Amino acid sequence: MILIKQIDHIQLAAPIGSEETARSFYRDVLSLEEVEKPDSLKQNGGVWFSNGSVHIHIGVEQSFVPAKKAHPAFEVSELEALADHIRSKGISVLTDDRLPRANRFYVNDPFGNRLEFLEWLEK
């Protein structure tokens, strides 16, 4: 039996040439650290970010369509402080209370991709 150990990274799509916009959101708003891509992949465009064991790759596509339903969900601490920080940057936060034992909200990145942030009340 093959065992999947963990998710190595999440890749989200963005339009070609949008690397600076991605930096403004993922680095400057979400406080993720930019990770230098390997030389062999730089020609593909896009930009990579990380925070501890969370790795997000923004890949660029000619025929980009945002992921409006499919989304990554990030478990965080101090969810309300994060929501306030995001709102202070002029970004809309959609609170959702339908998941039992969790507080959560959704945000769209600058490209329209849906992101979920949640904090478990108990596990």
PDB file of N, CA and C in Angstrom:
ATOM      1  N   MET A   1       0.842  -1.187   0.000  1.00  0.00           N
ATOM      2  CA  MET A   1       0.000   0.000   0.000  1.00  0.00           C
ATOM      3  C   MET A   1       0.884   1.246   0.000  1.00  0.00           C
ATOM      4  N   ILE A   2       0.533   2.200  -0.819  1.00  0.00           N
ATOM      5  CA  ILE A   2       1.251   3.469  -0.882  1.00  0.00           C
ATOM      6  C   ILE A   2       0.618   4.431   0.108  1.00  0.00           C
ATOM      7  N   LEU A   3       1.442   5.095   0.890  1.00  0.00           N
ATOM      8  CA  LEU A   3       0.962   6.046   1.880  1.00  0.00           C
ATOM      9  C   LEU A   3       1.335   7.454   1.448  1.00  0.00           C
ATOM     10  N   ILE A   4       0.356   8.324   1.314  1.00  0.00           N
ATOM     11  CA  ILE A   4       0.630   9.733   1.042  1.00  0.00           C
ATOM     12  C   ILE A   4       1.000  10.369   2.366  1.00  0.00           C
ATOM     13  N   LYS A   5       2.206  10.911   2.451  1.00  0.00           N
ATOM     14  CA  LYS A   5       2.720  11.424   3.722  1.00  0.00           C
ATOM     15  C   LYS A   5       2.208  12.826   4.042  1.00  0.00           C
ATOM     16  N   GLN A   6       2.187  13.686   3.062  1.00  0.00           N
ATOM     17  CA  GLN A   6       1.714  15.057   3.275  1.00  0.00           C
ATOM     18  C   GLN A   6       1.606  15.753   1.935  1.00  0.00           C
ATOM     19  N   ILE A   7       1.008  16.920   1.924  1.00  0.00           N
ATOM     20  CA  ILE A   7       0.996  17.752   0.717  1.00  0.00           C
ATOM     21  C   ILE A   7       2.292  18.540   0.699  1.00  0.00           C
ATOM     22  N   ASP A   8       3.011  18.466  -0.401  1.00  0.00           N
ATOM     23  CA  ASP A   8       4.273  19.187  -0.530  1.00  0.00           C
ATOM     24  C   ASP A   8       4.026  20.669  -0.800  1.00  0.00           C
ATOM     25  N   HIS A   9       3.123  20.975  -1.725  1.00  0.00           N
ATOM     26  CA  HIS A   9       2.793  22.363  -2.026  1.00  0.00           C
ATOM     27  C   HIS A   9       1.428  22.424  -2.701  1.00  0.00           C
ATOM     28  N   ILE A  10       0.892  23.612  -2.745  1.00  0.00           N
ATOM     29  CA  ILE A  10      -0.355  23.887  -3.455  1.00  0.00           C
ATOM     30  C   ILE A  10       0.006  24.825  -4.594  1.00  0.00           C
ATOM     31  N   GLN A  11      -0.489  24.536  -5.785  1.00  0.00           N
ATOM     32  CA  GLN A  11      -0.275  25.456  -6.896  1.00  0.00           C
ATOM     33  C   GLN A  11      -1.595  26.108  -7.256  1.00  0.00           C
ATOM     34  N   LEU A  12      -1.559  27.426  -7.341  1.00  0.00           N
ATOM     35  CA  LEU A  12      -2.704  28.214  -7.776  1.00  0.00           C
ATOM     36  C   LEU A  12      -2.316  28.914  -9.069  1.00  0.00           C
ATOM     37  N   ALA A  13      -3.297  29.163  -9.910  1.00  0.00           N
ATOM     38  CA  ALA A  13      -3.029  29.782 -11.205  1.00  0.00           C
ATOM     39  C   ALA A  13      -3.258  31.285 -11.155  1.00  0.00           C
ATOM     40  N   ALA A  14      -2.584  31.971 -12.065  1.00  0.00           N
ATOM     41  CA  ALA A  14      -2.707  33.417 -12.209  1.00  0.00           C
ATOM     42  C   ALA A  14      -2.423  33.767 -13.679  1.00  0.00           C
ATOM     43  N   PRO A  15      -2.804  34.951 -14.101  1.00  0.00           N
ATOM     44  CA  PRO A  15      -2.515  35.352 -15.481  1.00  0.00           C
ATOM     45  C   PRO A  15      -1.019  35.572 -15.710  1.00  0.00           C
ATOM     46  N   ILE A  16      -0.597  35.411 -16.929  1.00  0.00           N
ATOM     47  CA  ILE A  16       0.800  35.665 -17.293  1.00  0.00           C
ATOM     48  C   ILE A  16       1.155  37.107 -16.942  1.00  0.00           C
ATOM     49  N   GLY A  17       2.351  37.290 -16.382  1.00  0.00           N
ATOM     50  CA  GLY A  17       2.843  38.624 -16.057  1.00  0.00           C
ATOM     51  C   GLY A  17       2.340  39.172 -14.730  1.00  0.00           C
ATOM     52  N   SER A  18       1.737  38.341 -13.894  1.00  0.00           N
ATOM     53  CA  SER A  18       1.118  38.826 -12.658  1.00  0.00           C
ATOM     54  C   SER A  18       1.967  38.561 -11.413  1.00  0.00           C
ATOM     55  N   GLU A  19       3.242  38.310 -11.577  1.00  0.00           N
ATOM     56  CA  GLU A  19       4.095  37.983 -10.439  1.00  0.00           C
ATOM     57  C   GLU A  19       4.132  39.098  -9.388  1.00  0.00           C
ATOM     58  N   GLU A  20       4.211  40.343  -9.799  1.00  0.00           N
ATOM     59  CA  GLU A  20       4.250  41.453  -8.830  1.00  0.00           C
ATOM     60  C   GLU A  20       2.936  41.561  -8.058  1.00  0.00           C
ATOM     61  N   THR A  21       1.834  41.332  -8.728  1.00  0.00           N
ATOM     62  CA  THR A  21       0.541  41.334  -8.040  1.00  0.00           C
ATOM     63  C   THR A  21       0.483  40.195  -7.030  1.00  0.00           C
ATOM     64  N   ALA A  22       1.012  39.041  -7.399  1.00  0.00           N
ATOM     65  CA  ALA A  22       1.063  37.905  -6.471  1.00  0.00           C
ATOM     66  C   ALA A  22       1.919  38.257  -5.256  1.00  0.00           C
ATOM     67  N   ARG A  23       3.054  38.897  -5.483  1.00  0.00           N
ATOM     68  CA  ARG A  23       3.916  39.310  -4.359  1.00  0.00           C
ATOM     69  C   ARG A  23       3.175  40.276  -3.441  1.00  0.00           C
ATOM     70  N   SER A  24       2.461  41.217  -4.019  1.00  0.00           N
ATOM     71  CA  SER A  24       1.733  42.205  -3.213  1.00  0.00           C
ATOM     72  C   SER A  24       0.718  41.549  -2.297  1.00  0.00           C
ATOM     73  N   PHE A  25       0.130  40.462  -2.734  1.00  0.00           N
ATOM     74  CA  PHE A  25      -0.876  39.784  -1.917  1.00  0.00           C
ATOM     75  C   PHE A  25      -0.256  38.727  -1.003  1.00  0.00           C
ATOM     76  N   TYR A  26       0.419  37.759  -1.581  1.00  0.00           N
ATOM     77  CA  TYR A  26       0.907  36.625  -0.791  1.00  0.00           C
ATOM     78  C   TYR A  26       2.059  37.012   0.138  1.00  0.00           C
ATOM     79  N   ARG A  27       2.928  37.882  -0.299  1.00  0.00           N
ATOM     80  CA  ARG A  27       4.056  38.311   0.545  1.00  0.00           C
ATOM     81  C   ARG A  27       3.641  39.457   1.460  1.00  0.00           C
ATOM     82  N   ASP A  28       3.063  40.501   0.878  1.00  0.00           N
ATOM     83  CA  ASP A  28       2.805  41.723   1.640  1.00  0.00           C
ATOM     84  C   ASP A  28       1.547  41.670   2.498  1.00  0.00           C
ATOM     85  N   VAL A  29       0.503  40.993   2.050  1.00  0.00           N
ATOM     86  CA  VAL A  29      -0.734  40.896   2.840  1.00  0.00           C
ATOM     87  C   VAL A  29      -0.709  39.671   3.749  1.00  0.00           C
ATOM     88  N   LEU A  30      -0.392  38.491   3.180  1.00  0.00           N
ATOM     89  CA  LEU A  30      -0.433  37.257   3.971  1.00  0.00           C
ATOM     90  C   LEU A  30       0.879  36.952   4.683  1.00  0.00           C
ATOM     91  N   SER A  31       1.888  37.774   4.475  1.00  0.00           N
ATOM     92  CA  SER A  31       3.187  37.643   5.163  1.00  0.00           C
ATOM     93  C   SER A  31       3.899  36.319   4.888  1.00  0.00           C
ATOM     94  N   LEU A  32       3.715  35.771   3.692  1.00  0.00           N
ATOM     95  CA  LEU A  32       4.458  34.585   3.297  1.00  0.00           C
ATOM     96  C   LEU A  32       5.815  35.012   2.751  1.00  0.00           C
ATOM     97  N   GLU A  33       6.791  34.178   2.923  1.00  0.00           N
ATOM     98  CA  GLU A  33       8.139  34.469   2.443  1.00  0.00           C
ATOM     99  C   GLU A  33       8.271  33.990   1.003  1.00  0.00           C
ATOM    100  N   GLU A  34       8.821  34.834   0.144  1.00  0.00           N
ATOM    101  CA  GLU A  34       9.061  34.409  -1.234  1.00  0.00           C
ATOM    102  C   GLU A  34      10.234  33.437  -1.255  1.00  0.00           C
ATOM    103  N   VAL A  35      10.084  32.377  -2.045  1.00  0.00           N
ATOM    104  CA  VAL A  35      11.105  31.348  -2.191  1.00  0.00           C
ATOM    105  C   VAL A  35      11.620  31.409  -3.621  1.00  0.00           C
ATOM    106  N   GLU A  36      12.915  31.440  -3.779  1.00  0.00           N
ATOM    107  CA  GLU A  36      13.481  31.485  -5.127  1.00  0.00           C
ATOM    108  C   GLU A  36      13.232  30.157  -5.834  1.00  0.00           C
ATOM    109  N   LYS A  37      12.724  30.265  -7.051  1.00  0.00           N
ATOM    110  CA  LYS A  37      12.486  29.065  -7.854  1.00  0.00           C
ATOM    111  C   LYS A  37      13.810  28.527  -8.379  1.00  0.00           C
ATOM    112  N   PRO A  38      13.888  27.230  -8.618  1.00  0.00           N
ATOM    113  CA  PRO A  38      15.096  26.675  -9.242  1.00  0.00           C
ATOM    114  C   PRO A  38      15.307  27.296 -10.627  1.00  0.00           C
ATOM    115  N   ASP A  39      16.562  27.476 -11.000  1.00  0.00           N
ATOM    116  CA  ASP A  39      16.877  28.080 -12.308  1.00  0.00           C
ATOM    117  C   ASP A  39      16.159  27.369 -13.445  1.00  0.00           C
ATOM    118  N   SER A  40      16.039  26.055 -13.355  1.00  0.00           N
ATOM    119  CA  SER A  40      15.416  25.277 -14.428  1.00  0.00           C
ATOM    120  C   SER A  40      13.920  25.558 -14.586  1.00  0.00           C
ATOM    121  N   LEU A  41      13.297  26.203 -13.586  1.00  0.00           N
ATOM    122  CA  LEU A  41      11.856  26.494 -13.647  1.00  0.00           C
ATOM    123  C   LEU A  41      11.536  27.978 -13.797  1.00  0.00           C
ATOM    124  N   LYS A  42      12.528  28.831 -13.668  1.00  0.00           N
ATOM    125  CA  LYS A  42      12.272  30.279 -13.733  1.00  0.00           C
ATOM    126  C   LYS A  42      11.666  30.708 -15.062  1.00  0.00           C
ATOM    127  N   GLN A  43      12.029  30.037 -16.146  1.00  0.00           N
ATOM    128  CA  GLN A  43      11.524  30.410 -17.469  1.00  0.00           C
ATOM    129  C   GLN A  43      10.013  30.224 -17.583  1.00  0.00           C
ATOM    130  N   ASN A  44       9.414  29.435 -16.685  1.00  0.00           N
ATOM    131  CA  ASN A  44       7.970  29.204 -16.721  1.00  0.00           C
ATOM    132  C   ASN A  44       7.174  30.370 -16.154  1.00  0.00           C
ATOM    133  N   GLY A  45       7.850  31.311 -15.501  1.00  0.00           N
ATOM    134  CA  GLY A  45       7.139  32.402 -14.840  1.00  0.00           C
ATOM    135  C   GLY A  45       6.557  31.926 -13.523  1.00  0.00           C
ATOM    136  N   GLY A  46       5.804  32.782 -12.895  1.00  0.00           N
ATOM    137  CA  GLY A  46       5.201  32.447 -11.614  1.00  0.00           C
ATOM    138  C   GLY A  46       6.138  32.774 -10.461  1.00  0.00           C
ATOM    139  N   VAL A  47       5.665  32.514  -9.259  1.00  0.00           N
ATOM    140  CA  VAL A  47       6.415  32.851  -8.057  1.00  0.00           C
ATOM    141  C   VAL A  47       6.001  31.886  -6.947  1.00  0.00           C
ATOM    142  N   TRP A  48       6.947  31.564  -6.060  1.00  0.00           N
ATOM    143  CA  TRP A  48       6.694  30.616  -4.972  1.00  0.00           C
ATOM    144  C   TRP A  48       6.785  31.319  -3.625  1.00  0.00           C
ATOM    145  N   PHE A  49       5.981  30.822  -2.663  1.00  0.00           N
ATOM    146  CA  PHE A  49       5.955  31.371  -1.307  1.00  0.00           C
ATOM    147  C   PHE A  49       5.906  30.240  -0.296  1.00  0.00           C
ATOM    148  N   SER A  50       6.324  30.537   0.939  1.00  0.00           N
ATOM    149  CA  SER A  50       6.200  29.539   2.004  1.00  0.00           C
ATOM    150  C   SER A  50       6.059  30.221   3.352  1.00  0.00           C
ATOM    151  N   ASN A  51       5.572  29.440   4.305  1.00  0.00           N
ATOM    152  CA  ASN A  51       5.478  29.820   5.705  1.00  0.00           C
ATOM    153  C   ASN A  51       5.548  28.519   6.473  1.00  0.00           C
ATOM    154  N   GLY A  52       6.711  28.206   7.025  1.00  0.00           N
ATOM    155  CA  GLY A  52       6.877  26.917   7.690  1.00  0.00           C
ATOM    156  C   GLY A  52       6.726  25.789   6.696  1.00  0.00           C
ATOM    157  N   SER A  53       5.807  24.871   6.975  1.00  0.00           N
ATOM    158  CA  SER A  53       5.603  23.729   6.081  1.00  0.00           C
ATOM    159  C   SER A  53       4.553  23.987   5.007  1.00  0.00           C
ATOM    160  N   VAL A  54       4.026  25.198   4.941  1.00  0.00           N
ATOM    161  CA  VAL A  54       3.030  25.557   3.933  1.00  0.00           C
ATOM    162  C   VAL A  54       3.750  26.189   2.747  1.00  0.00           C
ATOM    163  N   HIS A  55       3.563  25.592   1.569  1.00  0.00           N
ATOM    164  CA  HIS A  55       4.211  26.083   0.350  1.00  0.00           C
ATOM    165  C   HIS A  55       3.142  26.340  -0.706  1.00  0.00           C
ATOM    166  N   ILE A  56       3.161  27.545  -1.254  1.00  0.00           N
ATOM    167  CA  ILE A  56       2.202  27.929  -2.286  1.00  0.00           C
ATOM    168  C   ILE A  56       2.984  28.348  -3.518  1.00  0.00           C
ATOM    169  N   HIS A  57       2.669  27.723  -4.638  1.00  0.00           N
ATOM    170  CA  HIS A  57       3.273  28.082  -5.917  1.00  0.00           C
ATOM    171  C   HIS A  57       2.212  28.772  -6.763  1.00  0.00           C
ATOM    172  N   ILE A  58       2.529  29.952  -7.249  1.00  0.00           N
ATOM    173  CA  ILE A  58       1.637  30.649  -8.163  1.00  0.00           C
ATOM    174  C   ILE A  58       2.192  30.421  -9.559  1.00  0.00           C
ATOM    175  N   GLY A  59       1.445  29.673 -10.355  1.00  0.00           N
ATOM    176  CA  GLY A  59       1.844  29.390 -11.733  1.00  0.00           C
ATOM    177  C   GLY A  59       1.035  30.250 -12.679  1.00  0.00           C
ATOM    178  N   VAL A  60       1.667  30.712 -13.736  1.00  0.00           N
ATOM    179  CA  VAL A  60       0.970  31.582 -14.690  1.00  0.00           C
ATOM    180  C   VAL A  60       0.503  30.765 -15.893  1.00  0.00           C
ATOM    181  N   GLU A  61      -0.673  31.139 -16.387  1.00  0.00           N
ATOM    182  CA  GLU A  61      -1.291  30.433 -17.510  1.00  0.00           C
ATOM    183  C   GLU A  61      -1.826  31.429 -18.524  1.00  0.00           C
ATOM    184  N   GLN A  62      -1.642  31.099 -19.799  1.00  0.00           N
ATOM    185  CA  GLN A  62      -2.179  31.933 -20.888  1.00  0.00           C
ATOM    186  C   GLN A  62      -3.699  32.011 -20.809  1.00  0.00           C
ATOM    187  N   SER A  63      -4.348  30.875 -20.628  1.00  0.00           N
ATOM    188  CA  SER A  63      -5.819  30.841 -20.600  1.00  0.00           C
ATOM    189  C   SER A  63      -6.300  30.707 -19.159  1.00  0.00           C
ATOM    190  N   PHE A  64      -5.891  31.637 -18.313  1.00  0.00           N
ATOM    191  CA  PHE A  64      -6.184  31.603 -16.883  1.00  0.00           C
ATOM    192  C   PHE A  64      -7.673  31.721 -16.601  1.00  0.00           C
ATOM    193  N   VAL A  65      -8.151  30.859 -15.692  1.00  0.00           N
ATOM    194  CA  VAL A  65      -9.507  30.929 -15.144  1.00  0.00           C
ATOM    195  C   VAL A  65      -9.365  30.727 -13.633  1.00  0.00           C
ATOM    196  N   PRO A  66      -9.891  31.633 -12.802  1.00  0.00           N
ATOM    197  CA  PRO A  66      -9.729  31.479 -11.351  1.00  0.00           C
ATOM    198  C   PRO A  66     -10.496  30.283 -10.804  1.00  0.00           C
ATOM    199  N   ALA A  67      -9.973  29.720  -9.716  1.00  0.00           N
ATOM    200  CA  ALA A  67     -10.656  28.643  -8.995  1.00  0.00           C
ATOM    201  C   ALA A  67     -11.608  29.298  -7.997  1.00  0.00           C
ATOM    202  N   LYS A  68     -12.888  29.325  -8.340  1.00  0.00           N
ATOM    203  CA  LYS A  68     -13.864  30.012  -7.498  1.00  0.00           C
ATOM    204  C   LYS A  68     -14.511  29.105  -6.465  1.00  0.00           C
ATOM    205  N   LYS A  69     -14.490  27.806  -6.688  1.00  0.00           N
ATOM    206  CA  LYS A  69     -15.065  26.855  -5.736  1.00  0.00           C
ATOM    207  C   LYS A  69     -13.950  26.012  -5.105  1.00  0.00           C
ATOM    208  N   ALA A  70     -13.164  25.354  -5.936  1.00  0.00           N
ATOM    209  CA  ALA A  70     -12.030  24.573  -5.421  1.00  0.00           C
ATOM    210  C   ALA A  70     -11.070  25.543  -4.748  1.00  0.00           C
ATOM    211  N   HIS A  71     -10.509  25.132  -3.604  1.00  0.00           N
ATOM    212  CA  HIS A  71      -9.672  26.073  -2.866  1.00  0.00           C
ATOM    213  C   HIS A  71      -8.813  25.352  -1.848  1.00  0.00           C
ATOM    214  N   PRO A  72      -7.680  25.959  -1.489  1.00  0.00           N
ATOM    215  CA  PRO A  72      -6.928  25.467  -0.332  1.00  0.00           C
ATOM    216  C   PRO A  72      -7.552  26.059   0.932  1.00  0.00           C
ATOM    217  N   ALA A  73      -7.424  25.322   2.026  1.00  0.00           N
ATOM    218  CA  ALA A  73      -7.884  25.805   3.332  1.00  0.00           C
ATOM    219  C   ALA A  73      -6.679  25.799   4.266  1.00  0.00           C
ATOM    220  N   PHE A  74      -6.415  26.937   4.885  1.00  0.00           N
ATOM    221  CA  PHE A  74      -5.260  27.106   5.751  1.00  0.00           C
ATOM    222  C   PHE A  74      -5.713  27.213   7.198  1.00  0.00           C
ATOM    223  N   GLU A  75      -5.212  26.307   8.045  1.00  0.00           N
ATOM    224  CA  GLU A  75      -5.488  26.404   9.469  1.00  0.00           C
ATOM    225  C   GLU A  75      -4.553  27.449  10.062  1.00  0.00           C
ATOM    226  N   VAL A  76      -5.118  28.395  10.789  1.00  0.00           N
ATOM    227  CA  VAL A  76      -4.332  29.485  11.359  1.00  0.00           C
ATOM    228  C   VAL A  76      -4.648  29.646  12.834  1.00  0.00           C
ATOM    229  N   SER A  77      -3.814  30.380  13.524  1.00  0.00           N
ATOM    230  CA  SER A  77      -4.129  30.820  14.873  1.00  0.00           C
ATOM    231  C   SER A  77      -4.478  32.296  14.779  1.00  0.00           C
ATOM    232  N   GLU A  78      -5.259  32.780  15.711  1.00  0.00           N
ATOM    233  CA  GLU A  78      -5.669  34.180  15.734  1.00  0.00           C
ATOM    234  C   GLU A  78      -6.386  34.583  14.440  1.00  0.00           C
ATOM    235  N   LEU A  79      -7.406  33.815  14.124  1.00  0.00           N
ATOM    236  CA  LEU A  79      -8.172  34.010  12.894  1.00  0.00           C
ATOM    237  C   LEU A  79      -8.727  35.427  12.780  1.00  0.00           C
ATOM    238  N   GLU A  80      -9.298  35.935  13.872  1.00  0.00           N
ATOM    239  CA  GLU A  80      -9.921  37.262  13.800  1.00  0.00           C
ATOM    240  C   GLU A  80      -8.882  38.356  13.564  1.00  0.00           C
ATOM    241  N   ALA A  81      -7.698  38.218  14.144  1.00  0.00           N
ATOM    242  CA  ALA A  81      -6.626  39.186  13.891  1.00  0.00           C
ATOM    243  C   ALA A  81      -6.209  39.150  12.428  1.00  0.00           C
ATOM    244  N   LEU A  82      -6.160  37.962  11.852  1.00  0.00           N
ATOM    245  CA  LEU A  82      -5.831  37.847  10.427  1.00  0.00           C
ATOM    246  C   LEU A  82      -6.913  38.493   9.577  1.00  0.00           C
ATOM    247  N   ALA A  83      -8.169  38.248   9.908  1.00  0.00           N
ATOM    248  CA  ALA A  83      -9.280  38.854   9.169  1.00  0.00           C
ATOM    249  C   ALA A  83      -9.206  40.380   9.244  1.00  0.00           C
ATOM    250  N   ASP A  84      -8.938  40.908  10.427  1.00  0.00           N
ATOM    251  CA  ASP A  84      -8.814  42.361  10.589  1.00  0.00           C
ATOM    252  C   ASP A  84      -7.654  42.903   9.759  1.00  0.00           C
ATOM    253  N   HIS A  85      -6.530  42.198   9.763  1.00  0.00           N
ATOM    254  CA  HIS A  85      -5.366  42.611   8.981  1.00  0.00           C
ATOM    255  C   HIS A  85      -5.704  42.642   7.487  1.00  0.00           C
ATOM    256  N   ILE A  86      -6.366  41.604   7.009  1.00  0.00           N
ATOM    257  CA  ILE A  86      -6.729  41.546   5.592  1.00  0.00           C
ATOM    258  C   ILE A  86      -7.698  42.659   5.238  1.00  0.00           C
ATOM    259  N   ARG A  87      -8.685  42.884   6.091  1.00  0.00           N
ATOM    260  CA  ARG A  87      -9.642  43.987   5.848  1.00  0.00           C
ATOM    261  C   ARG A  87      -8.931  45.336   5.821  1.00  0.00           C
ATOM    262  N   SER A  88      -7.911  45.501   6.681  1.00  0.00           N
ATOM    263  CA  SER A  88      -7.185  46.781   6.727  1.00  0.00           C
ATOM    264  C   SER A  88      -6.459  47.077   5.423  1.00  0.00           C
ATOM    265  N   LYS A  89      -6.251  46.039   4.606  1.00  0.00           N
ATOM    266  CA  LYS A  89      -5.607  46.195   3.298  1.00  0.00           C
ATOM    267  C   LYS A  89      -6.640  46.424   2.195  1.00  0.00           C
ATOM    268  N   GLY A  90      -7.915  46.582   2.604  1.00  0.00           N
ATOM    269  CA  GLY A  90      -8.975  46.847   1.633  1.00  0.00           C
ATOM    270  C   GLY A  90      -9.496  45.604   0.931  1.00  0.00           C
ATOM    271  N   ILE A  91      -9.270  44.439   1.515  1.00  0.00           N
ATOM    272  CA  ILE A  91      -9.676  43.178   0.902  1.00  0.00           C
ATOM    273  C   ILE A  91     -10.900  42.644   1.646  1.00  0.00           C
ATOM    274  N   SER A  92     -11.892  42.218   0.895  1.00  0.00           N
ATOM    275  CA  SER A  92     -13.126  41.694   1.491  1.00  0.00           C
ATOM    276  C   SER A  92     -12.905  40.318   2.093  1.00  0.00           C
ATOM    277  N   VAL A  93     -13.534  40.108   3.242  1.00  0.00           N
ATOM    278  CA  VAL A  93     -13.490  38.839   3.958  1.00  0.00           C
ATOM    279  C   VAL A  93     -14.932  38.355   4.078  1.00  0.00           C
ATOM    280  N   LEU A  94     -15.183  37.107   3.683  1.00  0.00           N
ATOM    281  CA  LEU A  94     -16.518  36.523   3.780  1.00  0.00           C
ATOM    282  C   LEU A  94     -16.513  35.490   4.895  1.00  0.00           C
ATOM    283  N   THR A  95     -17.161  35.816   6.015  1.00  0.00           N
ATOM    284  CA  THR A  95     -17.236  34.914   7.157  1.00  0.00           C
ATOM    285  C   THR A  95     -18.259  33.826   6.874  1.00  0.00           C
ATOM    286  N   ASP A  96     -17.950  32.604   7.302  1.00  0.00           N
ATOM    287  CA  ASP A  96     -18.845  31.463   7.107  1.00  0.00           C
ATOM    288  C   ASP A  96     -18.888  30.662   8.397  1.00  0.00           C
ATOM    289  N   ASP A  97     -20.093  30.497   8.957  1.00  0.00           N
ATOM    290  CA  ASP A  97     -20.234  29.794  10.232  1.00  0.00           C
ATOM    291  C   ASP A  97     -20.884  28.419  10.088  1.00  0.00           C
ATOM    292  N   ARG A  98     -20.828  27.845   8.889  1.00  0.00           N
ATOM    293  CA  ARG A  98     -21.519  26.572   8.652  1.00  0.00           C
ATOM    294  C   ARG A  98     -20.700  25.334   8.985  1.00  0.00           C
ATOM    295  N   LEU A  99     -19.430  25.493   9.326  1.00  0.00           N
ATOM    296  CA  LEU A  99     -18.597  24.338   9.665  1.00  0.00           C
ATOM    297  C   LEU A  99     -18.591  24.179  11.180  1.00  0.00           C
ATOM    298  N   PRO A 100     -19.159  23.084  11.694  1.00  0.00           N
ATOM    299  CA  PRO A 100     -19.194  22.891  13.151  1.00  0.00           C
ATOM    300  C   PRO A 100     -17.792  22.896  13.758  1.00  0.00           C
ATOM    301  N   ARG A 101     -17.673  23.485  14.947  1.00  0.00           N
ATOM    302  CA  ARG A 101     -16.446  23.513  15.740  1.00  0.00           C
ATOM    303  C   ARG A 101     -15.300  24.282  15.091  1.00  0.00           C
ATOM    304  N   ALA A 102     -15.633  25.189  14.166  1.00  0.00           N
ATOM    305  CA  ALA A 102     -14.577  25.987  13.540  1.00  0.00           C
ATOM    306  C   ALA A 102     -15.093  27.380  13.226  1.00  0.00           C
ATOM    307  N   ASN A 103     -14.204  28.325  13.299  1.00  0.00           N
ATOM    308  CA  ASN A 103     -14.452  29.663  12.766  1.00  0.00           C
ATOM    309  C   ASN A 103     -13.671  29.739  11.461  1.00  0.00           C
ATOM    310  N   ARG A 104     -14.257  30.354  10.458  1.00  0.00           N
ATOM    311  CA  ARG A 104     -13.560  30.432   9.174  1.00  0.00           C
ATOM    312  C   ARG A 104     -14.053  31.599   8.347  1.00  0.00           C
ATOM    313  N   PHE A 105     -13.214  31.956   7.369  1.00  0.00           N
ATOM    314  CA  PHE A 105     -13.605  32.951   6.386  1.00  0.00           C
ATOM    315  C   PHE A 105     -12.943  32.638   5.060  1.00  0.00           C
ATOM    316  N   TYR A 106     -13.489  33.268   4.021  1.00  0.00           N
ATOM    317  CA  TYR A 106     -12.953  33.135   2.671  1.00  0.00           C
ATOM    318  C   TYR A 106     -12.464  34.489   2.179  1.00  0.00           C
ATOM    319  N   VAL A 107     -11.449  34.437   1.353  1.00  0.00           N
ATOM    320  CA  VAL A 107     -10.887  35.616   0.698  1.00  0.00           C
ATOM    321  C   VAL A 107     -10.595  35.215  -0.742  1.00  0.00           C
ATOM    322  N   ASN A 108     -10.764  36.135  -1.662  1.00  0.00           N
ATOM    323  CA  ASN A 108     -10.305  35.909  -3.024  1.00  0.00           C
ATOM    324  C   ASN A 108      -8.953  36.574  -3.191  1.00  0.00           C
ATOM    325  N   ASP A 109      -7.998  35.850  -3.781  1.00  0.00           N
ATOM    326  CA  ASP A 109      -6.716  36.478  -4.069  1.00  0.00           C
ATOM    327  C   ASP A 109      -6.923  37.475  -5.214  1.00  0.00           C
ATOM    328  N   PRO A 110      -5.921  38.236  -5.607  1.00  0.00           N
ATOM    329  CA  PRO A 110      -6.118  39.262  -6.641  1.00  0.00           C
ATOM    330  C   PRO A 110      -6.562  38.702  -7.984  1.00  0.00           C
ATOM    331  N   PHE A 111      -6.472  37.391  -8.156  1.00  0.00           N
ATOM    332  CA  PHE A 111      -6.818  36.766  -9.431  1.00  0.00           C
ATOM    333  C   PHE A 111      -8.178  36.089  -9.395  1.00  0.00           C
ATOM    334  N   GLY A 112      -8.855  36.139  -8.231  1.00  0.00           N
ATOM    335  CA  GLY A 112     -10.170  35.534  -8.091  1.00  0.00           C
ATOM    336  C   GLY A 112     -10.155  34.124  -7.549  1.00  0.00           C
ATOM    337  N   ASN A 113      -8.985  33.598  -7.197  1.00  0.00           N
ATOM    338  CA  ASN A 113      -8.904  32.277  -6.585  1.00  0.00           C
ATOM    339  C   ASN A 113      -9.420  32.340  -5.150  1.00  0.00           C
ATOM    340  N   ARG A 114     -10.234  31.386  -4.770  1.00  0.00           N
ATOM    341  CA  ARG A 114     -10.806  31.334  -3.425  1.00  0.00           C
ATOM    342  C   ARG A 114      -9.798  30.727  -2.445  1.00  0.00           C
ATOM    343  N   LEU A 115      -9.637  31.363  -1.292  1.00  0.00           N
ATOM    344  CA  LEU A 115      -8.779  30.866  -0.223  1.00  0.00           C
ATOM    345  C   LEU A 115      -9.609  30.794   1.053  1.00  0.00           C
ATOM    346  N   GLU A 116      -9.460  29.716   1.808  1.00  0.00           N
ATOM    347  CA  GLU A 116     -10.162  29.572   3.081  1.00  0.00           C
ATOM    348  C   GLU A 116      -9.147  29.620   4.216  1.00  0.00           C
ATOM    349  N   PHE A 117      -9.502  30.322   5.281  1.00  0.00           N
ATOM    350  CA  PHE A 117      -8.699  30.380   6.497  1.00  0.00           C
ATOM    351  C   PHE A 117      -9.606  29.944   7.639  1.00  0.00           C
ATOM    352  N   LEU A 118      -9.120  28.997   8.468  1.00  0.00           N
ATOM    353  CA  LEU A 118      -9.954  28.510   9.544  1.00  0.00           C
ATOM    354  C   LEU A 118      -9.171  28.282  10.817  1.00  0.00           C
ATOM    355  N   GLU A 119      -9.905  28.348  11.914  1.00  0.00           N
ATOM    356  CA  GLU A 119      -9.362  28.083  13.240  1.00  0.00           C
ATOM    357  C   GLU A 119     -10.314  27.129  13.937  1.00  0.00           C
ATOM    358  N   TRP A 120      -9.811  25.954  14.294  1.00  0.00           N
ATOM    359  CA  TRP A 120     -10.641  24.963  14.979  1.00  0.00           C
ATOM    360  C   TRP A 120     -10.863  25.386  16.426  1.00  0.00           C
ATOM    361  N   LEU A 121     -12.105  25.257  16.878  1.00  0.00           N
ATOM    362  CA  LEU A 121     -12.436  25.559  18.266  1.00  0.00           C
ATOM    363  C   LEU A 121     -12.025  24.404  19.166  1.00  0.00           C
ATOM    364  N   GLU A 122     -12.090  23.193  18.613  1.00  0.00           N
ATOM    365  CA  GLU A 122     -11.643  21.975  19.300  1.00  0.00           C
ATOM    366  C   GLU A 122     -11.412  20.947  18.216  1.00  0.00           C
ATOM    367  N   LYS A 123     -10.534  20.025  18.478  1.00  0.00           N
ATOM    368  CA  LYS A 123     -10.275  18.985  17.483  1.00  0.00           C
ATOM    369  C   LYS A 123     -10.684  17.636  17.995  1.00  0.00           C
TER     370      LYS A 123
END
